[in-house]
Amino acid sequence: MTPGVIPTLIVGGYLGAGKTTLVNHLLRHAGGWRIAVMVNDFGELTIDADLIEGADGSVLALAGGCVCCSFGSDLLGALQDVLQRQPPPDLILIETSGVALPAAVARSARLLPGLSIDGIVLMLDAETVRQRSADPYVGDLVRQQLLDADLLILNKTELCSPTTLAELDAWLPSMITPGTPVVAASQARVPPELVLGFHAGWAAHPDGATGDALARWAAHPITPPIAAAADRFVNELLELTAPLDPQQLLAALTAPDAGVVRAKGWLTDLAGQRHLLQLVGRRAELLPLAPDAGPAGADRLLVIGLGGVYQHGHLLLNK
């Protein structure tokens, strides 16, 4: 994370897609990182009772130093308040209303210095998304939400038959921006690192080890999968032993056949400039760093890919 800049993720999706379940899941697996969850109204997001330690007006104090803040109609004002908190949060999650356009929320948040929008994670209800997308009243909204996403989590797959999942697998590519990864889930249970961005694992292991949590989740199969090839996640730590062309690496990581879902790390370009690379689905960002910023030692990149699809590091680095 760049000093003084707080990574921020937008969590969107139509009503009933499972945003509440996802947020609670992430809070339970925060790994000691302080997460600030921004919601339009506390009534729209039910934080699990055992996670709440106290309340003060529009702020809920949560376990592990996390907070939940209601922003009503003033998102930017609430974000400014969060940025002034001491100590500041390590990560901000903005949970949008089910009838909001996540990209519009992201554009508003970008107006504030001190925030870095990592991407838009969109929750989909596997049972109803096709029906909602064709609805004469809300179909336009649902279809635009699909296009806004950088990473799609297809939730409630346990409620669908294999035939329905196969039909969704064939239908979704025509509704989303090319290159947007789709991760299947049951009860919003996905590896937290897919959304949180390795914060817990990397912080606990500054020498570059991924940590027990990431290893455990990377080996955890998601059943049933949206596609037969994507039945588990693969994690890989790439040691970058020489300077490289950042744009060439970004092109390799975001290629439709690369199978990369999440990536974060540090690299040095051919001119000797060091960068922080952050990737969420199809969105990738490269931030130049000051000479003394980032972890000491060799450059490295931590990657999560879809099993059976992910092209391993030696293939990505030699494209």
Foldseek 3Di string as FASTA:
>chain_A
DAPLAAEEEEEAAAPPLQPLLQVLLLVVVVLLFAEEEEEQDCVRHPHPPVQFDADDVQWTQGPSNYIYGHQNPHPVVRVVVQSPDVVHGNYYYYYYYNQDQRVVVVVVVVVDPRYDYQFYEYGAALVCLVVQLPDPPRNVSSLNSQARGLEYEHEQCVVDDPVSLQVCLVPSVVRYDQQHYYWYAYSNDALSCLPVVLPNQCVVPVVQDSDPSVVVRQADFHPPTSDPQQGGKDKDKFFDADADAVVLLLCLQRPSQQQWAWKWWWGAHPVGWIWTWTHHGNDIDIGTHDPPDDRDDTIMMMTMGGGNRHDDDVVSVVD
